[in-house]
Amino acid sequence: MNNINYMCKLANKLWQAANFPLNSRYGNAISKCEEFQSKYLLRLLQTNAKTVYGKTWDFSSISSVRQFQERVPLTKYEDYRPYINRISNGERFILTNEDVLLFEPSSGSTSS
């Protein structure tokens, strides 16, 4: 093994050792990704259960990802237009329990 190859391997091993705690936490997090995302979804649903949209789909009674999938349909932008118009007119707690500060088109937006 030449010196450069040896030094690269040594540097890599040192880097791995230095990052072991972070790498360990990352590995633990990704091994529980589905569990984390399920809990996060349920927390979002409970947080927004009293919004107009949350009441429409009865977020407060959803207790699993499966219930969410069965109850809340897939949507597209046009499905949200009436809600967005209400928010634009100053109504609160329509889609989220937080105040909406601004709307900004995404790079993929085709309408203004």
PDB file of N, CA and C in Angstrom:
ATOM      1  N   MET A   1       0.854  -1.173   0.000  1.00  0.00           N
ATOM      2  CA  MET A   1       0.000   0.000   0.000  1.00  0.00           C
ATOM      3  C   MET A   1       0.905   1.243   0.000  1.00  0.00           C
ATOM      4  N   ASN A   2       0.625   2.161  -0.894  1.00  0.00           N
ATOM      5  CA  ASN A   2       1.476   3.345  -0.940  1.00  0.00           C
ATOM      6  C   ASN A   2       1.082   4.335   0.161  1.00  0.00           C
ATOM      7  N   ASN A   3       1.939   5.306   0.379  1.00  0.00           N
ATOM      8  CA  ASN A   3       1.740   6.262   1.471  1.00  0.00           C
ATOM      9  C   ASN A   3       0.470   7.088   1.316  1.00  0.00           C
ATOM     10  N   ILE A   4       0.155   7.514   0.106  1.00  0.00           N
ATOM     11  CA  ILE A   4      -1.040   8.336  -0.120  1.00  0.00           C
ATOM     12  C   ILE A   4      -2.296   7.536   0.199  1.00  0.00           C
ATOM     13  N   ASN A   5      -2.344   6.317  -0.269  1.00  0.00           N
ATOM     14  CA  ASN A   5      -3.487   5.450  -0.003  1.00  0.00           C
ATOM     15  C   ASN A   5      -3.640   5.214   1.505  1.00  0.00           C
ATOM     16  N   TYR A   6      -2.525   4.956   2.176  1.00  0.00           N
ATOM     17  CA  TYR A   6      -2.540   4.734   3.621  1.00  0.00           C
ATOM     18  C   TYR A   6      -3.036   5.982   4.347  1.00  0.00           C
ATOM     19  N   MET A   7      -2.549   7.147   3.966  1.00  0.00           N
ATOM     20  CA  MET A   7      -2.941   8.411   4.602  1.00  0.00           C
ATOM     21  C   MET A   7      -4.430   8.689   4.386  1.00  0.00           C
ATOM     22  N   CYS A   8      -4.940   8.387   3.206  1.00  0.00           N
ATOM     23  CA  CYS A   8      -6.371   8.578   2.931  1.00  0.00           C
ATOM     24  C   CYS A   8      -7.208   7.669   3.818  1.00  0.00           C
ATOM     25  N   LYS A   9      -6.801   6.424   3.941  1.00  0.00           N
ATOM     26  CA  LYS A   9      -7.540   5.484   4.790  1.00  0.00           C
ATOM     27  C   LYS A   9      -7.478   5.909   6.249  1.00  0.00           C
ATOM     28  N   LEU A  10      -6.314   6.364   6.699  1.00  0.00           N
ATOM     29  CA  LEU A  10      -6.163   6.829   8.073  1.00  0.00           C
ATOM     30  C   LEU A  10      -7.038   8.057   8.325  1.00  0.00           C
ATOM     31  N   ALA A  11      -7.008   9.008   7.402  1.00  0.00           N
ATOM     32  CA  ALA A  11      -7.830  10.213   7.535  1.00  0.00           C
ATOM     33  C   ALA A  11      -9.308   9.852   7.586  1.00  0.00           C
ATOM     34  N   ASN A  12      -9.720   8.906   6.763  1.00  0.00           N
ATOM     35  CA  ASN A  12     -11.116   8.476   6.745  1.00  0.00           C
ATOM     36  C   ASN A  12     -11.503   7.848   8.078  1.00  0.00           C
ATOM     37  N   LYS A  13     -10.647   7.003   8.624  1.00  0.00           N
ATOM     38  CA  LYS A  13     -10.922   6.355   9.915  1.00  0.00           C
ATOM     39  C   LYS A  13     -11.005   7.389  11.036  1.00  0.00           C
ATOM     40  N   LEU A  14     -10.099   8.367  11.023  1.00  0.00           N
ATOM     41  CA  LEU A  14     -10.133   9.427  12.029  1.00  0.00           C
ATOM     42  C   LEU A  14     -11.410  10.253  11.916  1.00  0.00           C
ATOM     43  N   TRP A  15     -11.796  10.560  10.685  1.00  0.00           N
ATOM     44  CA  TRP A  15     -13.033  11.311  10.456  1.00  0.00           C
ATOM     45  C   TRP A  15     -14.234  10.521  10.968  1.00  0.00           C
ATOM     46  N   GLN A  16     -14.291   9.220  10.684  1.00  0.00           N
ATOM     47  CA  GLN A  16     -15.389   8.375  11.159  1.00  0.00           C
ATOM     48  C   GLN A  16     -15.439   8.351  12.679  1.00  0.00           C
ATOM     49  N   ALA A  17     -14.276   8.229  13.320  1.00  0.00           N
ATOM     50  CA  ALA A  17     -14.228   8.195  14.784  1.00  0.00           C
ATOM     51  C   ALA A  17     -14.699   9.518  15.379  1.00  0.00           C
ATOM     52  N   ALA A  18     -14.273  10.620  14.782  1.00  0.00           N
ATOM     53  CA  ALA A  18     -14.664  11.938  15.282  1.00  0.00           C
ATOM     54  C   ALA A  18     -16.158  12.178  15.136  1.00  0.00           C
ATOM     55  N   ASN A  19     -16.758  11.594  14.120  1.00  0.00           N
ATOM     56  CA  ASN A  19     -18.180  11.808  13.855  1.00  0.00           C
ATOM     57  C   ASN A  19     -19.069  10.682  14.360  1.00  0.00           C
ATOM     58  N   PHE A  20     -18.506   9.753  15.106  1.00  0.00           N
ATOM     59  CA  PHE A  20     -19.280   8.597  15.562  1.00  0.00           C
ATOM     60  C   PHE A  20     -20.545   8.988  16.331  1.00  0.00           C
ATOM     61  N   PRO A  21     -20.469   9.918  17.310  1.00  0.00           N
ATOM     62  CA  PRO A  21     -21.702  10.249  18.047  1.00  0.00           C
ATOM     63  C   PRO A  21     -22.803  10.790  17.133  1.00  0.00           C
ATOM     64  N   LEU A  22     -22.434  11.691  16.251  1.00  0.00           N
ATOM     65  CA  LEU A  22     -23.414  12.259  15.324  1.00  0.00           C
ATOM     66  C   LEU A  22     -23.929  11.201  14.365  1.00  0.00           C
ATOM     67  N   ASN A  23     -23.034  10.390  13.847  1.00  0.00           N
ATOM     68  CA  ASN A  23     -23.422   9.327  12.924  1.00  0.00           C
ATOM     69  C   ASN A  23     -24.341   8.323  13.608  1.00  0.00           C
ATOM     70  N   SER A  24     -24.066   8.048  14.870  1.00  0.00           N
ATOM     71  CA  SER A  24     -24.896   7.116  15.633  1.00  0.00           C
ATOM     72  C   SER A  24     -26.312   7.671  15.793  1.00  0.00           C
ATOM     73  N   ARG A  25     -26.420   8.957  16.137  1.00  0.00           N
ATOM     74  CA  ARG A  25     -27.744   9.589  16.270  1.00  0.00           C
ATOM     75  C   ARG A  25     -28.480   9.591  14.936  1.00  0.00           C
ATOM     76  N   TYR A  26     -27.752   9.893  13.860  1.00  0.00           N
ATOM     77  CA  TYR A  26     -28.351   9.907  12.525  1.00  0.00           C
ATOM     78  C   TYR A  26     -28.865   8.517  12.159  1.00  0.00           C
ATOM     79  N   GLY A  27     -28.054   7.500  12.395  1.00  0.00           N
ATOM     80  CA  GLY A  27     -28.472   6.127  12.106  1.00  0.00           C
ATOM     81  C   GLY A  27     -29.698   5.734  12.897  1.00  0.00           C
ATOM     82  N   ASN A  28     -29.746   6.146  14.156  1.00  0.00           N
ATOM     83  CA  ASN A  28     -30.904   5.867  14.999  1.00  0.00           C
ATOM     84  C   ASN A  28     -32.144   6.582  14.458  1.00  0.00           C
ATOM     85  N   ALA A  29     -31.964   7.837  14.045  1.00  0.00           N
ATOM     86  CA  ALA A  29     -33.096   8.615  13.530  1.00  0.00           C
ATOM     87  C   ALA A  29     -33.657   8.012  12.248  1.00  0.00           C
ATOM     88  N   ILE A  30     -32.786   7.625  11.324  1.00  0.00           N
ATOM     89  CA  ILE A  30     -33.314   7.091  10.067  1.00  0.00           C
ATOM     90  C   ILE A  30     -33.899   5.702  10.244  1.00  0.00           C
ATOM     91  N   SER A  31     -33.471   4.995  11.275  1.00  0.00           N
ATOM     92  CA  SER A  31     -34.058   3.672  11.511  1.00  0.00           C
ATOM     93  C   SER A  31     -35.473   3.789  12.070  1.00  0.00           C
ATOM     94  N   LYS A  32     -35.813   4.979  12.582  1.00  0.00           N
ATOM     95  CA  LYS A  32     -37.147   5.211  13.145  1.00  0.00           C
ATOM     96  C   LYS A  32     -37.904   6.266  12.342  1.00  0.00           C
ATOM     97  N   CYS A  33     -37.572   6.396  11.079  1.00  0.00           N
ATOM     98  CA  CYS A  33     -38.137   7.444  10.230  1.00  0.00           C
ATOM     99  C   CYS A  33     -39.659   7.356  10.153  1.00  0.00           C
ATOM    100  N   GLU A  34     -40.183   6.172   9.910  1.00  0.00           N
ATOM    101  CA  GLU A  34     -41.633   6.015   9.783  1.00  0.00           C
ATOM    102  C   GLU A  34     -42.334   6.388  11.089  1.00  0.00           C
ATOM    103  N   GLU A  35     -41.779   5.960  12.198  1.00  0.00           N
ATOM    104  CA  GLU A  35     -42.360   6.285  13.503  1.00  0.00           C
ATOM    105  C   GLU A  35     -42.351   7.795  13.733  1.00  0.00           C
ATOM    106  N   PHE A  36     -41.226   8.442  13.443  1.00  0.00           N
ATOM    107  CA  PHE A  36     -41.113   9.884  13.614  1.00  0.00           C
ATOM    108  C   PHE A  36     -42.119  10.621  12.737  1.00  0.00           C
ATOM    109  N   GLN A  37     -42.208  10.232  11.466  1.00  0.00           N
ATOM    110  CA  GLN A  37     -43.119  10.919  10.556  1.00  0.00           C
ATOM    111  C   GLN A  37     -44.574  10.712  10.960  1.00  0.00           C
ATOM    112  N   SER A  38     -44.909   9.538  11.451  1.00  0.00           N
ATOM    113  CA  SER A  38     -46.276   9.282  11.923  1.00  0.00           C
ATOM    114  C   SER A  38     -46.612  10.192  13.094  1.00  0.00           C
ATOM    115  N   LYS A  39     -45.701  10.276  14.057  1.00  0.00           N
ATOM    116  CA  LYS A  39     -45.927  11.144  15.220  1.00  0.00           C
ATOM    117  C   LYS A  39     -46.026  12.602  14.800  1.00  0.00           C
ATOM    118  N   TYR A  40     -45.179  13.001  13.853  1.00  0.00           N
ATOM    119  CA  TYR A  40     -45.192  14.383  13.381  1.00  0.00           C
ATOM    120  C   TYR A  40     -46.517  14.702  12.687  1.00  0.00           C
ATOM    121  N   LEU A  41     -47.002  13.796  11.846  1.00  0.00           N
ATOM    122  CA  LEU A  41     -48.288  13.992  11.178  1.00  0.00           C
ATOM    123  C   LEU A  41     -49.398  14.148  12.208  1.00  0.00           C
ATOM    124  N   LEU A  42     -49.452  13.264  13.185  1.00  0.00           N
ATOM    125  CA  LEU A  42     -50.514  13.319  14.191  1.00  0.00           C
ATOM    126  C   LEU A  42     -50.432  14.602  15.011  1.00  0.00           C
ATOM    127  N   ARG A  43     -49.218  15.069  15.286  1.00  0.00           N
ATOM    128  CA  ARG A  43     -49.065  16.336  16.009  1.00  0.00           C
ATOM    129  C   ARG A  43     -49.577  17.503  15.158  1.00  0.00           C
ATOM    130  N   LEU A  44     -49.270  17.497  13.864  1.00  0.00           N
ATOM    131  CA  LEU A  44     -49.783  18.549  12.972  1.00  0.00           C
ATOM    132  C   LEU A  44     -51.307  18.533  12.909  1.00  0.00           C
ATOM    133  N   LEU A  45     -51.879  17.344  12.847  1.00  0.00           N
ATOM    134  CA  LEU A  45     -53.336  17.231  12.782  1.00  0.00           C
ATOM    135  C   LEU A  45     -53.980  17.775  14.048  1.00  0.00           C
ATOM    136  N   GLN A  46     -53.436  17.429  15.207  1.00  0.00           N
ATOM    137  CA  GLN A  46     -53.994  17.920  16.465  1.00  0.00           C
ATOM    138  C   GLN A  46     -53.819  19.429  16.590  1.00  0.00           C
ATOM    139  N   THR A  47     -52.672  19.924  16.165  1.00  0.00           N
ATOM    140  CA  THR A  47     -52.400  21.360  16.229  1.00  0.00           C
ATOM    141  C   THR A  47     -53.374  22.151  15.362  1.00  0.00           C
ATOM    142  N   ASN A  48     -53.776  21.575  14.236  1.00  0.00           N
ATOM    143  CA  ASN A  48     -54.643  22.283  13.290  1.00  0.00           C
ATOM    144  C   ASN A  48     -56.077  21.762  13.274  1.00  0.00           C
ATOM    145  N   ALA A  49     -56.460  21.021  14.288  1.00  0.00           N
ATOM    146  CA  ALA A  49     -57.797  20.414  14.335  1.00  0.00           C
ATOM    147  C   ALA A  49     -58.920  21.449  14.384  1.00  0.00           C
ATOM    148  N   LYS A  50     -58.651  22.623  14.945  1.00  0.00           N
ATOM    149  CA  LYS A  50     -59.710  23.631  15.081  1.00  0.00           C
ATOM    150  C   LYS A  50     -59.760  24.610  13.915  1.00  0.00           C
ATOM    151  N   THR A  51     -58.941  24.384  12.902  1.00  0.00           N
ATOM    152  CA  THR A  51     -58.999  25.237  11.714  1.00  0.00           C
ATOM    153  C   THR A  51     -60.199  24.822  10.860  1.00  0.00           C
ATOM    154  N   VAL A  52     -60.548  25.656   9.921  1.00  0.00           N
ATOM    155  CA  VAL A  52     -61.651  25.318   9.012  1.00  0.00           C
ATOM    156  C   VAL A  52     -61.346  24.010   8.288  1.00  0.00           C
ATOM    157  N   TYR A  53     -60.138  23.895   7.772  1.00  0.00           N
ATOM    158  CA  TYR A  53     -59.750  22.680   7.044  1.00  0.00           C
ATOM    159  C   TYR A  53     -59.725  21.477   7.980  1.00  0.00           C
ATOM    160  N   GLY A  54     -59.224  21.668   9.179  1.00  0.00           N
ATOM    161  CA  GLY A  54     -59.174  20.583  10.157  1.00  0.00           C
ATOM    162  C   GLY A  54     -60.550  20.095  10.560  1.00  0.00           C
ATOM    163  N   LYS A  55     -61.487  21.017  10.679  1.00  0.00           N
ATOM    164  CA  LYS A  55     -62.866  20.628  11.014  1.00  0.00           C
ATOM    165  C   LYS A  55     -63.528  19.922   9.833  1.00  0.00           C
ATOM    166  N   THR A  56     -63.204  20.365   8.625  1.00  0.00           N
ATOM    167  CA  THR A  56     -63.771  19.735   7.431  1.00  0.00           C
ATOM    168  C   THR A  56     -63.452  18.249   7.396  1.00  0.00           C
ATOM    169  N   TRP A  57     -62.223  17.898   7.747  1.00  0.00           N
ATOM    170  CA  TRP A  57     -61.789  16.498   7.685  1.00  0.00           C
ATOM    171  C   TRP A  57     -61.707  15.845   9.066  1.00  0.00           C
ATOM    172  N   ASP A  58     -62.243  16.528  10.081  1.00  0.00           N
ATOM    173  CA  ASP A  58     -62.306  15.995  11.445  1.00  0.00           C
ATOM    174  C   ASP A  58     -60.939  15.514  11.931  1.00  0.00           C
ATOM    175  N   PHE A  59     -59.957  16.397  11.822  1.00  0.00           N
ATOM    176  CA  PHE A  59     -58.599  16.067  12.249  1.00  0.00           C
ATOM    177  C   PHE A  59     -58.548  15.570  13.693  1.00  0.00           C
ATOM    178  N   SER A  60     -59.406  16.124  14.550  1.00  0.00           N
ATOM    179  CA  SER A  60     -59.330  15.786  15.977  1.00  0.00           C
ATOM    180  C   SER A  60     -59.602  14.314  16.258  1.00  0.00           C
ATOM    181  N   SER A  61     -60.273  13.618  15.348  1.00  0.00           N
ATOM    182  CA  SER A  61     -60.572  12.202  15.596  1.00  0.00           C
ATOM    183  C   SER A  61     -59.628  11.251  14.852  1.00  0.00           C
ATOM    184  N   ILE A  62     -58.658  11.800  14.138  1.00  0.00           N
ATOM    185  CA  ILE A  62     -57.702  10.954  13.411  1.00  0.00           C
ATOM    186  C   ILE A  62     -56.580  10.555  14.367  1.00  0.00           C
ATOM    187  N   SER A  63     -56.385   9.257  14.514  1.00  0.00           N
ATOM    188  CA  SER A  63     -55.367   8.782  15.459  1.00  0.00           C
ATOM    189  C   SER A  63     -54.324   7.865  14.820  1.00  0.00           C
ATOM    190  N   SER A  64     -54.346   7.770  13.492  1.00  0.00           N
ATOM    191  CA  SER A  64     -53.343   6.942  12.819  1.00  0.00           C
ATOM    192  C   SER A  64     -53.137   7.437  11.389  1.00  0.00           C
ATOM    193  N   VAL A  65     -52.025   7.051  10.825  1.00  0.00           N
ATOM    194  CA  VAL A  65     -51.740   7.403   9.434  1.00  0.00           C
ATOM    195  C   VAL A  65     -52.796   6.785   8.530  1.00  0.00           C
ATOM    196  N   ARG A  66     -53.186   5.571   8.813  1.00  0.00           N
ATOM    197  CA  ARG A  66     -54.197   4.885   7.997  1.00  0.00           C
ATOM    198  C   ARG A  66     -55.510   5.675   7.989  1.00  0.00           C
ATOM    199  N   GLN A  67     -55.953   6.142   9.152  1.00  0.00           N
ATOM    200  CA  GLN A  67     -57.183   6.945   9.201  1.00  0.00           C
ATOM    201  C   GLN A  67     -57.027   8.209   8.371  1.00  0.00           C
ATOM    202  N   PHE A  68     -55.872   8.845   8.463  1.00  0.00           N
ATOM    203  CA  PHE A  68     -55.624  10.042   7.666  1.00  0.00           C
ATOM    204  C   PHE A  68     -55.727   9.726   6.181  1.00  0.00           C
ATOM    205  N   GLN A  69     -55.102   8.643   5.758  1.00  0.00           N
ATOM    206  CA  GLN A  69     -55.118   8.258   4.346  1.00  0.00           C
ATOM    207  C   GLN A  69     -56.531   7.945   3.872  1.00  0.00           C
ATOM    208  N   GLU A  70     -57.322   7.339   4.722  1.00  0.00           N
ATOM    209  CA  GLU A  70     -58.687   6.969   4.341  1.00  0.00           C
ATOM    210  C   GLU A  70     -59.625   8.163   4.330  1.00  0.00           C
ATOM    211  N   ARG A  71     -59.399   9.127   5.195  1.00  0.00           N
ATOM    212  CA  ARG A  71     -60.335  10.227   5.368  1.00  0.00           C
ATOM    213  C   ARG A  71     -60.020  11.456   4.524  1.00  0.00           C
ATOM    214  N   VAL A  72     -58.749  11.799   4.420  1.00  0.00           N
ATOM    215  CA  VAL A  72     -58.367  13.047   3.748  1.00  0.00           C
ATOM    216  C   VAL A  72     -57.926  12.721   2.322  1.00  0.00           C
ATOM    217  N   PRO A  73     -58.641  13.249   1.324  1.00  0.00           N
ATOM    218  CA  PRO A  73     -58.323  12.898  -0.067  1.00  0.00           C
ATOM    219  C   PRO A  73     -57.048  13.578  -0.562  1.00  0.00           C
ATOM    220  N   LEU A  74     -56.475  13.003  -1.600  1.00  0.00           N
ATOM    221  CA  LEU A  74     -55.367  13.663  -2.285  1.00  0.00           C
ATOM    222  C   LEU A  74     -55.905  14.946  -2.905  1.00  0.00           C
ATOM    223  N   THR A  75     -55.094  15.979  -2.918  1.00  0.00           N
ATOM    224  CA  THR A  75     -55.555  17.280  -3.395  1.00  0.00           C
ATOM    225  C   THR A  75     -54.553  17.886  -4.362  1.00  0.00           C
ATOM    226  N   LYS A  76     -55.032  18.920  -5.048  1.00  0.00           N
ATOM    227  CA  LYS A  76     -54.163  19.717  -5.909  1.00  0.00           C
ATOM    228  C   LYS A  76     -54.405  21.177  -5.553  1.00  0.00           C
ATOM    229  N   TYR A  77     -53.642  22.054  -6.137  1.00  0.00           N
ATOM    230  CA  TYR A  77     -53.712  23.469  -5.771  1.00  0.00           C
ATOM    231  C   TYR A  77     -55.138  24.009  -5.843  1.00  0.00           C
ATOM    232  N   GLU A  78     -55.842  23.676  -6.889  1.00  0.00           N
ATOM    233  CA  GLU A  78     -57.194  24.211  -7.070  1.00  0.00           C
ATOM    234  C   GLU A  78     -58.113  23.872  -5.899  1.00  0.00           C
ATOM    235  N   ASP A  79     -57.865  22.762  -5.231  1.00  0.00           N
ATOM    236  CA  ASP A  79     -58.671  22.394  -4.072  1.00  0.00           C
ATOM    237  C   ASP A  79     -58.474  23.380  -2.920  1.00  0.00           C
ATOM    238  N   TYR A  80     -57.338  24.041  -2.891  1.00  0.00           N
ATOM    239  CA  TYR A  80     -57.029  24.976  -1.807  1.00  0.00           C
ATOM    240  C   TYR A  80     -57.381  26.423  -2.144  1.00  0.00           C
ATOM    241  N   ARG A  81     -57.683  26.693  -3.409  1.00  0.00           N
ATOM    242  CA  ARG A  81     -57.934  28.078  -3.818  1.00  0.00           C
ATOM    243  C   ARG A  81     -59.000  28.772  -2.965  1.00  0.00           C
ATOM    244  N   PRO A  82     -60.144  28.152  -2.669  1.00  0.00           N
ATOM    245  CA  PRO A  82     -61.131  28.850  -1.833  1.00  0.00           C
ATOM    246  C   PRO A  82     -60.586  29.188  -0.438  1.00  0.00           C
ATOM    247  N   TYR A  83     -59.806  28.287   0.118  1.00  0.00           N
ATOM    248  CA  TYR A  83     -59.218  28.543   1.436  1.00  0.00           C
ATOM    249  C   TYR A  83     -58.197  29.674   1.358  1.00  0.00           C
ATOM    250  N   ILE A  84     -57.382  29.651   0.320  1.00  0.00           N
ATOM    251  CA  ILE A  84     -56.364  30.688   0.144  1.00  0.00           C
ATOM    252  C   ILE A  84     -57.021  32.046  -0.062  1.00  0.00           C
ATOM    253  N   ASN A  85     -58.108  32.086  -0.811  1.00  0.00           N
ATOM    254  CA  ASN A  85     -58.835  33.342  -1.003  1.00  0.00           C
ATOM    255  C   ASN A  85     -59.351  33.875   0.327  1.00  0.00           C
ATOM    256  N   ARG A  86     -59.857  33.007   1.169  1.00  0.00           N
ATOM    257  CA  ARG A  86     -60.349  33.435   2.483  1.00  0.00           C
ATOM    258  C   ARG A  86     -59.210  33.999   3.328  1.00  0.00           C
ATOM    259  N   ILE A  87     -58.064  33.331   3.289  1.00  0.00           N
ATOM    260  CA  ILE A  87     -56.901  33.825   4.039  1.00  0.00           C
ATOM    261  C   ILE A  87     -56.464  35.175   3.481  1.00  0.00           C
ATOM    262  N   SER A  88     -56.462  35.316   2.157  1.00  0.00           N
ATOM    263  CA  SER A  88     -56.082  36.582   1.515  1.00  0.00           C
ATOM    264  C   SER A  88     -57.017  37.710   1.909  1.00  0.00           C
ATOM    265  N   ASN A  89     -58.259  37.369   2.224  1.00  0.00           N
ATOM    266  CA  ASN A  89     -59.241  38.365   2.641  1.00  0.00           C
ATOM    267  C   ASN A  89     -59.193  38.636   4.143  1.00  0.00           C
ATOM    268  N   GLY A  90     -58.190  38.088   4.827  1.00  0.00           N
ATOM    269  CA  GLY A  90     -57.980  38.411   6.230  1.00  0.00           C
ATOM    270  C   GLY A  90     -58.518  37.411   7.238  1.00  0.00           C
ATOM    271  N   GLU A  91     -59.178  36.355   6.784  1.00  0.00           N
ATOM    272  CA  GLU A  91     -59.677  35.362   7.734  1.00  0.00           C
ATOM    273  C   GLU A  91     -58.508  34.589   8.338  1.00  0.00           C
ATOM    274  N   ARG A  92     -58.691  34.166   9.565  1.00  0.00           N
ATOM    275  CA  ARG A  92     -57.647  33.432  10.278  1.00  0.00           C
ATOM    276  C   ARG A  92     -58.099  32.007  10.545  1.00  0.00           C
ATOM    277  N   PHE A  93     -57.136  31.160  10.822  1.00  0.00           N
ATOM    278  CA  PHE A  93     -57.385  29.764  11.203  1.00  0.00           C
ATOM    279  C   PHE A  93     -58.156  28.994  10.130  1.00  0.00           C
ATOM    280  N   ILE A  94     -57.769  29.197   8.901  1.00  0.00           N
ATOM    281  CA  ILE A  94     -58.408  28.513   7.779  1.00  0.00           C
ATOM    282  C   ILE A  94     -57.677  27.203   7.483  1.00  0.00           C
ATOM    283  N   LEU A  95     -56.407  27.278   7.128  1.00  0.00           N
ATOM    284  CA  LEU A  95     -55.610  26.076   6.850  1.00  0.00           C
ATOM    285  C   LEU A  95     -54.657  25.735   7.987  1.00  0.00           C
ATOM    286  N   THR A  96     -54.299  26.737   8.767  1.00  0.00           N
ATOM    287  CA  THR A  96     -53.332  26.545   9.844  1.00  0.00           C
ATOM    288  C   THR A  96     -53.733  27.372  11.052  1.00  0.00           C
ATOM    289  N   ASN A  97     -53.293  26.941  12.225  1.00  0.00           N
ATOM    290  CA  ASN A  97     -53.608  27.711  13.424  1.00  0.00           C
ATOM    291  C   ASN A  97     -52.629  28.865  13.621  1.00  0.00           C
ATOM    292  N   GLU A  98     -51.677  29.004  12.737  1.00  0.00           N
ATOM    293  CA  GLU A  98     -50.728  30.110  12.805  1.00  0.00           C
ATOM    294  C   GLU A  98     -51.148  31.204  11.830  1.00  0.00           C
ATOM    295  N   ASP A  99     -50.766  32.428  12.146  1.00  0.00           N
ATOM    296  CA  ASP A  99     -51.062  33.524  11.233  1.00  0.00           C
ATOM    297  C   ASP A  99     -50.240  33.366   9.959  1.00  0.00           C
ATOM    298  N   VAL A 100     -50.893  33.573   8.822  1.00  0.00           N
ATOM    299  CA  VAL A 100     -50.203  33.527   7.534  1.00  0.00           C
ATOM    300  C   VAL A 100     -49.673  34.931   7.269  1.00  0.00           C
ATOM    301  N   LEU A 101     -48.377  35.038   7.119  1.00  0.00           N
ATOM    302  CA  LEU A 101     -47.750  36.346   6.947  1.00  0.00           C
ATOM    303  C   LEU A 101     -47.685  36.784   5.498  1.00  0.00           C
ATOM    304  N   LEU A 102     -47.516  35.822   4.580  1.00  0.00           N
ATOM    305  CA  LEU A 102     -47.463  36.165   3.166  1.00  0.00           C
ATOM    306  C   LEU A 102     -47.653  34.916   2.324  1.00  0.00           C
ATOM    307  N   PHE A 103     -48.024  35.150   1.090  1.00  0.00           N
ATOM    308  CA  PHE A 103     -48.067  34.087   0.085  1.00  0.00           C
ATOM    309  C   PHE A 103     -46.968  34.389  -0.910  1.00  0.00           C
ATOM    310  N   GLU A 104     -46.256  33.376  -1.292  1.00  0.00           N
ATOM    311  CA  GLU A 104     -45.184  33.570  -2.260  1.00  0.00           C
ATOM    312  C   GLU A 104     -45.240  32.439  -3.272  1.00  0.00           C
ATOM    313  N   PRO A 105     -45.269  32.782  -4.562  1.00  0.00           N
ATOM    314  CA  PRO A 105     -45.317  31.722  -5.578  1.00  0.00           C
ATOM    315  C   PRO A 105     -44.033  30.904  -5.570  1.00  0.00           C
ATOM    316  N   SER A 106     -44.181  29.632  -5.822  1.00  0.00           N
ATOM    317  CA  SER A 106     -42.996  28.774  -5.917  1.00  0.00           C
ATOM    318  C   SER A 106     -42.425  28.874  -7.323  1.00  0.00           C
ATOM    319  N   SER A 107     -41.260  28.311  -7.509  1.00  0.00           N
ATOM    320  CA  SER A 107     -40.628  28.360  -8.828  1.00  0.00           C
ATOM    321  C   SER A 107     -41.437  27.582  -9.859  1.00  0.00           C
ATOM    322  N   GLY A 108     -42.303  26.677  -9.399  1.00  0.00           N
ATOM    323  CA  GLY A 108     -43.125  25.897 -10.315  1.00  0.00           C
ATOM    324  C   GLY A 108     -44.507  26.485 -10.528  1.00  0.00           C
ATOM    325  N   SER A 109     -44.781  27.642  -9.910  1.00  0.00           N
ATOM    326  CA  SER A 109     -46.110  28.246 -10.030  1.00  0.00           C
ATOM    327  C   SER A 109     -46.350  28.760 -11.433  1.00  0.00           C
ATOM    328  N   THR A 110     -47.572  28.557 -11.902  1.00  0.00           N
ATOM    329  CA  THR A 110     -47.923  29.064 -13.226  1.00  0.00           C
ATOM    330  C   THR A 110     -48.967  30.158 -13.142  1.00  0.00           C
ATOM    331  N   SER A 111     -49.626  30.278 -11.981  1.00  0.00           N
ATOM    332  CA  SER A 111     -50.624  31.340 -11.831  1.00  0.00           C
ATOM    333  C   SER A 111     -50.104  32.367 -10.846  1.00  0.00           C
ATOM    334  N   SER A 112     -50.657  33.578 -10.914  1.00  0.00           N
ATOM    335  CA  SER A 112     -50.178  34.627 -10.011  1.00  0.00           C
ATOM    336  C   SER A 112     -51.040  34.737  -8.789  1.00  0.00           C
TER     337      SER A 112
END
